[in-house]
Amino acid sequence: MKTIEFASPVFFDKKVQDLNTELESLGWIANQYPVCYKGENEQGTYPEAYYNNGTSKNLMAMPEGNAMSFFTIEGDIIEIEEFHFSAPLALTVWADLTKVYPSKAYDYTGELIKDVIGVLQANSCNDLKIQTQGVFEDYSFLESKLQQNVMRPFTAFKISFECIMTKC
């Protein structure tokens, strides 16, 4: 399992790390990444996470294993009152349906989405919007590999949401 954790996360990094801890309890997301930004190389753009190991190394968050997830910031973080902020975040999830629950011989993407929604709602994430098409459209490298990334037996979805964070 690949999970990048911060030793002393604050603000949105803390919220995302807490959400990753809760998502881990689902038991099927093997590779969890924190907030990713758009990386770029000669092959195109891709989600990129900082290793958080004191170096300047970054990691490409790529579909692999049985399932992976990463977060993105989807707009401006707005102060709603002193020390309280509203953050527009999104969680992108990719899964290999033959590996998550191998005994299921049907497309159970909806069940995976339901699992993730339950975790988000239980952790003060509101105004959820679910996207099942064009999930990787912001990343030209992943979009060019669309046949390999989201055609069955693979699936992907993105859930955008608002969450309230406290900054002390």
Protein backbone atom coordinates (compact mmCIF):
# COMPACT_ATOMS: atom_id res chain seq x y z
CA MET A 1 0.00 0.00 0.00
CA LYS A 2 1.25 3.45 -0.95
CA THR A 3 0.08 6.24 1.33
CA ILE A 4 1.82 9.57 1.66
CA GLU A 5 1.41 11.10 5.11
CA PHE A 6 2.55 14.36 6.63
CA ALA A 7 4.14 14.28 10.10
CA SER A 8 2.28 17.39 11.30
CA PRO A 9 -0.32 18.30 8.69
CA VAL A 10 -2.22 21.57 8.89
CA PHE A 11 -5.17 23.15 7.13
CA PHE A 12 -6.27 21.28 3.97
CA ASP A 13 -3.40 18.78 4.28
CA LYS A 14 -4.76 17.75 7.68
CA LYS A 15 -8.32 17.45 6.36
CA VAL A 16 -7.17 15.33 3.43
CA GLN A 17 -4.96 13.12 5.61
CA ASP A 18 -7.89 12.57 8.00
CA LEU A 19 -10.12 11.67 5.04
CA ASN A 20 -7.48 9.25 3.72
CA THR A 21 -7.39 7.57 7.14
CA GLU A 22 -11.17 7.14 7.05
CA LEU A 23 -11.12 5.92 3.43
CA GLU A 24 -8.50 3.35 4.41
CA SER A 25 -11.16 1.69 6.57
CA LEU A 26 -13.03 0.73 3.37
CA GLY A 27 -10.22 -1.75 2.77
CA TRP A 28 -10.11 -1.57 -1.02
CA ILE A 29 -8.16 1.60 -1.89
CA ALA A 30 -4.57 0.39 -1.94
CA ASN A 31 -2.81 3.58 -3.08
CA GLN A 32 -3.87 6.83 -1.42
CA TYR A 33 -2.36 10.16 -2.28
CA PRO A 34 -2.77 13.57 -0.65
CA VAL A 35 -3.58 16.75 -2.54
CA CYS A 36 -2.16 16.46 -6.04
CA TYR A 37 -1.23 19.21 -8.44
CA LYS A 38 -0.79 19.09 -12.19
CA GLY A 39 2.62 17.75 -13.14
CA GLU A 40 3.94 17.75 -16.68
CA ASN A 41 6.53 15.90 -18.70
CA GLU A 42 7.05 15.09 -22.39
CA GLN A 43 4.13 12.61 -22.27
CA GLY A 44 1.63 15.18 -20.99
CA THR A 45 0.08 16.27 -17.70
CA TYR A 46 -0.68 14.00 -14.75
CA PRO A 47 -1.62 14.23 -11.04
CA GLU A 48 1.50 14.74 -8.95
CA ALA A 49 1.98 14.51 -5.18
CA TYR A 50 4.89 15.66 -3.07
CA TYR A 51 6.70 12.78 -1.34
CA ASN A 52 6.85 14.81 1.90
CA ASN A 53 10.26 13.42 2.78
CA GLY A 54 12.29 16.64 2.98
CA THR A 55 13.50 16.38 -0.62
CA SER A 56 12.18 18.03 -3.76
CA LYS A 57 10.90 14.72 -5.17
CA ASN A 58 7.36 14.33 -6.43
CA LEU A 59 5.38 11.23 -7.31
CA MET A 60 3.08 10.58 -10.26
CA ALA A 61 -0.31 9.41 -8.94
CA MET A 62 -1.16 6.80 -11.58
CA PRO A 63 -3.87 4.14 -11.85
CA GLU A 64 -2.30 0.90 -10.62
CA GLY A 65 -2.96 -2.01 -8.29
CA ASN A 66 -6.52 -2.71 -7.23
CA ALA A 67 -7.49 0.93 -6.59
CA MET A 68 -6.00 4.39 -6.07
CA SER A 69 -7.28 7.79 -5.00
CA PHE A 70 -6.05 11.37 -4.90
CA PHE A 71 -7.38 14.77 -3.89
CA THR A 72 -7.32 18.10 -5.71
CA ILE A 73 -8.22 21.64 -4.73
CA GLU A 74 -10.99 22.74 -7.10
CA GLY A 75 -11.06 26.50 -6.53
CA ASP A 76 -10.47 29.22 -4.00
CA ILE A 77 -10.47 28.56 -0.28
CA ILE A 78 -12.76 31.17 1.26
CA GLU A 79 -12.81 32.49 4.82
CA ILE A 80 -16.41 32.24 6.03
CA GLU A 81 -15.77 33.54 9.54
CA GLU A 82 -12.75 34.04 11.73
CA PHE A 83 -10.58 30.89 11.63
CA HIS A 84 -13.19 28.97 9.56
CA PHE A 85 -12.72 28.35 5.85
CA SER A 86 -14.69 26.65 3.10
CA ALA A 87 -12.54 24.56 0.79
CA PRO A 88 -13.65 23.16 -2.57
CA LEU A 89 -11.97 19.76 -2.83
CA ALA A 90 -12.38 16.73 -5.06
CA LEU A 91 -11.51 13.08 -4.63
CA THR A 92 -10.72 11.04 -7.73
CA VAL A 93 -10.88 7.25 -7.43
CA TRP A 94 -9.76 4.65 -9.97
CA ALA A 95 -10.32 0.91 -9.49
CA ASP A 96 -9.79 -2.44 -11.20
CA LEU A 97 -13.14 -4.18 -10.70
CA THR A 98 -11.54 -7.62 -11.13
CA LYS A 99 -9.28 -6.98 -8.12
CA VAL A 100 -11.36 -4.95 -5.62
CA TYR A 101 -14.03 -7.63 -5.19
CA PRO A 102 -13.02 -10.49 -7.53
CA SER A 103 -16.15 -12.53 -6.75
CA LYS A 104 -18.45 -9.86 -8.22
CA ALA A 105 -18.99 -10.52 -11.91
CA TYR A 106 -20.78 -7.25 -12.70
CA ASP A 107 -20.09 -3.51 -12.81
CA TYR A 108 -20.36 -2.46 -9.17
CA THR A 109 -19.05 1.10 -9.60
CA GLY A 110 -22.19 2.43 -7.90
CA GLU A 111 -21.39 0.40 -4.78
CA LEU A 112 -17.87 1.87 -4.65
CA ILE A 113 -19.26 5.39 -5.06
CA LYS A 114 -21.74 4.72 -2.23
CA ASP A 115 -18.88 3.55 0.04
CA VAL A 116 -16.87 6.71 -0.63
CA ILE A 117 -19.88 9.03 -0.25
CA GLY A 118 -20.58 7.50 3.16
CA VAL A 119 -17.06 8.31 4.34
CA LEU A 120 -17.16 11.86 2.96
CA GLN A 121 -20.56 12.67 4.46
CA ALA A 122 -19.54 11.26 7.84
CA ASN A 123 -16.57 13.65 7.82
CA SER A 124 -18.28 17.00 7.21
CA CYS A 125 -17.99 17.02 3.42
CA ASN A 126 -21.02 18.71 1.88
CA ASP A 127 -22.54 19.57 -1.49
CA LEU A 128 -21.24 16.41 -3.17
CA LYS A 129 -21.17 16.25 -6.98
CA ILE A 130 -20.37 12.94 -8.65
CA GLN A 131 -18.68 12.70 -12.04
CA THR A 132 -18.29 9.40 -13.86
CA GLN A 133 -17.36 10.66 -17.34
CA GLY A 134 -14.23 12.62 -18.23
CA VAL A 135 -12.74 11.96 -14.82
CA PHE A 136 -9.16 12.42 -16.09
CA GLU A 137 -9.86 15.26 -18.55
CA ASP A 138 -7.54 17.63 -16.65
CA TYR A 139 -4.61 15.26 -17.20
CA SER A 140 -3.62 14.79 -20.84
CA PHE A 141 -1.38 11.77 -20.13
CA LEU A 142 -4.18 9.87 -18.36
CA GLU A 143 -6.83 11.03 -20.82
CA SER A 144 -4.71 9.71 -23.72
CA LYS A 145 -4.69 6.33 -21.96
CA LEU A 146 -8.47 6.42 -21.49
CA GLN A 147 -9.02 2.98 -22.99
CA GLN A 148 -6.61 1.56 -20.44
CA ASN A 149 -7.83 3.62 -17.48
CA VAL A 150 -11.62 3.52 -17.51
CA MET A 151 -12.82 0.85 -19.93
CA ARG A 152 -14.10 -2.24 -18.15
CA PRO A 153 -12.88 -3.93 -16.07
CA PHE A 154 -11.59 -0.54 -14.85
CA THR A 155 -13.69 2.28 -13.47
CA ALA A 156 -13.10 5.82 -12.27
CA PHE A 157 -15.14 8.55 -10.63
CA LYS A 158 -14.60 11.96 -9.13
CA ILE A 159 -16.54 13.43 -6.22
CA SER A 160 -16.33 17.19 -5.76
CA PHE A 161 -17.36 18.59 -2.37
CA GLU A 162 -17.09 21.50 0.04
CA CYS A 163 -15.69 21.10 3.51
CA ILE A 164 -15.27 23.47 6.41
CA MET A 165 -11.84 23.70 7.96
CA THR A 166 -10.59 25.49 11.03
CA LYS A 167 -7.24 27.21 11.00
CA CYS A 168 -5.67 27.78 14.40
